[in-house]
Amino acid sequence: MFAKILEEMKNELYPGAAYSRFSFVVKLLHIKSFYRISNVGFTAILKLLSSAFPHCSLPAEEERQL
């Protein structure tokens, strides 16, 4: 699991992105925690982001349940 996280740190969110996939998800989780967004609400936000930005490498639903 830890090795997978280290690999995620290297992946770009999209080509030329300012954030890695990992750092973007960490920032999203910080916002979720800070504003006390429910899991259902957070999943809805991620689905919206995934459909609006299909070329971004956001976590799949299976990955979010780890």
C-alpha atoms as a PDB file:
ATOM      1  CA  MET A   1       0.000   0.000   0.000  1.00  0.00           C
ATOM      2  CA  PHE A   2       2.773   2.441   0.927  1.00  0.00           C
ATOM      3  CA  ALA A   3       4.638   1.672  -2.312  1.00  0.00           C
ATOM      4  CA  LYS A   4       1.477   2.457  -4.271  1.00  0.00           C
ATOM      5  CA  ILE A   5       1.184   5.837  -2.529  1.00  0.00           C
ATOM      6  CA  LEU A   6       4.799   6.614  -3.386  1.00  0.00           C
ATOM      7  CA  GLU A   7       4.085   5.818  -7.037  1.00  0.00           C
ATOM      8  CA  GLU A   8       0.977   8.042  -6.977  1.00  0.00           C
ATOM      9  CA  MET A   9       3.145  10.964  -5.921  1.00  0.00           C
ATOM     10  CA  LYS A  10       4.867  10.755  -9.307  1.00  0.00           C
ATOM     11  CA  ASN A  11       1.730  10.726 -11.498  1.00  0.00           C
ATOM     12  CA  GLU A  12       0.484  13.972 -12.984  1.00  0.00           C
ATOM     13  CA  LEU A  13      -3.150  14.923 -12.583  1.00  0.00           C
ATOM     14  CA  TYR A  14      -3.049  15.766 -16.295  1.00  0.00           C
ATOM     15  CA  PRO A  15      -0.117  16.644 -18.584  1.00  0.00           C
ATOM     16  CA  GLY A  16       1.442  19.904 -17.429  1.00  0.00           C
ATOM     17  CA  ALA A  17      -0.629  20.113 -14.232  1.00  0.00           C
ATOM     18  CA  ALA A  18       0.605  22.105 -11.253  1.00  0.00           C
ATOM     19  CA  TYR A  19      -0.531  19.268  -8.944  1.00  0.00           C
ATOM     20  CA  SER A  20       0.296  15.606  -8.883  1.00  0.00           C
ATOM     21  CA  ARG A  21      -2.654  13.238  -8.637  1.00  0.00           C
ATOM     22  CA  PHE A  22      -1.662  12.541  -5.030  1.00  0.00           C
ATOM     23  CA  SER A  23      -1.317  16.182  -3.935  1.00  0.00           C
ATOM     24  CA  PHE A  24      -4.653  17.079  -5.554  1.00  0.00           C
ATOM     25  CA  VAL A  25      -6.457  14.278  -3.703  1.00  0.00           C
ATOM     26  CA  VAL A  26      -4.771  15.277  -0.426  1.00  0.00           C
ATOM     27  CA  LYS A  27      -5.976  18.867  -0.917  1.00  0.00           C
ATOM     28  CA  LEU A  28      -9.501  17.608  -1.668  1.00  0.00           C
ATOM     29  CA  LEU A  29      -9.450  15.469   1.485  1.00  0.00           C
ATOM     30  CA  HIS A  30      -8.272  18.456   3.511  1.00  0.00           C
ATOM     31  CA  ILE A  31     -11.247  20.486   2.217  1.00  0.00           C
ATOM     32  CA  LYS A  32     -13.584  17.542   2.960  1.00  0.00           C
ATOM     33  CA  SER A  33     -12.316  17.355   6.522  1.00  0.00           C
ATOM     34  CA  PHE A  34     -12.156  21.109   7.158  1.00  0.00           C
ATOM     35  CA  TYR A  35     -15.713  21.714   5.963  1.00  0.00           C
ATOM     36  CA  ARG A  36     -17.046  18.410   7.343  1.00  0.00           C
ATOM     37  CA  ILE A  37     -18.359  17.214   3.983  1.00  0.00           C
ATOM     38  CA  SER A  38     -20.030  13.808   4.212  1.00  0.00           C
ATOM     39  CA  ASN A  39     -18.721  10.804   2.275  1.00  0.00           C
ATOM     40  CA  VAL A  40     -21.820  10.887   0.076  1.00  0.00           C
ATOM     41  CA  GLY A  41     -21.308  14.570  -0.682  1.00  0.00           C
ATOM     42  CA  PHE A  42     -17.604  14.079  -1.363  1.00  0.00           C
ATOM     43  CA  THR A  43     -18.313  11.179  -3.728  1.00  0.00           C
ATOM     44  CA  ALA A  44     -20.799  13.370  -5.610  1.00  0.00           C
ATOM     45  CA  ILE A  45     -18.168  16.113  -5.944  1.00  0.00           C
ATOM     46  CA  LEU A  46     -15.584  13.619  -7.244  1.00  0.00           C
ATOM     47  CA  LYS A  47     -18.080  12.229  -9.771  1.00  0.00           C
ATOM     48  CA  LEU A  48     -18.814  15.754 -10.978  1.00  0.00           C
ATOM     49  CA  LEU A  49     -15.103  16.552 -11.288  1.00  0.00           C
ATOM     50  CA  SER A  50     -14.488  13.270 -13.133  1.00  0.00           C
ATOM     51  CA  SER A  51     -17.251  13.947 -15.640  1.00  0.00           C
ATOM     52  CA  ALA A  52     -16.283  17.599 -16.127  1.00  0.00           C
ATOM     53  CA  PHE A  53     -12.579  16.791 -16.537  1.00  0.00           C
ATOM     54  CA  PRO A  54     -12.421  13.332 -18.136  1.00  0.00           C
ATOM     55  CA  HIS A  55      -8.715  13.614 -18.985  1.00  0.00           C
ATOM     56  CA  CYS A  56      -7.708  14.136 -15.350  1.00  0.00           C
ATOM     57  CA  SER A  57      -6.501  11.150 -13.403  1.00  0.00           C
ATOM     58  CA  LEU A  58      -8.885  11.239 -10.429  1.00  0.00           C
ATOM     59  CA  PRO A  59      -9.300   8.171  -8.210  1.00  0.00           C
ATOM     60  CA  ALA A  60     -11.772   5.523  -9.302  1.00  0.00           C
ATOM     61  CA  GLU A  61     -14.631   4.653  -6.960  1.00  0.00           C
ATOM     62  CA  GLU A  62     -12.850   1.471  -5.855  1.00  0.00           C
ATOM     63  CA  GLU A  63      -9.767   3.473  -4.847  1.00  0.00           C
ATOM     64  CA  ARG A  64     -11.825   5.938  -2.791  1.00  0.00           C
ATOM     65  CA  GLN A  65     -13.129   3.119  -0.608  1.00  0.00           C
ATOM     66  CA  LEU A  66      -9.697   2.077   0.686  1.00  0.00           C
END
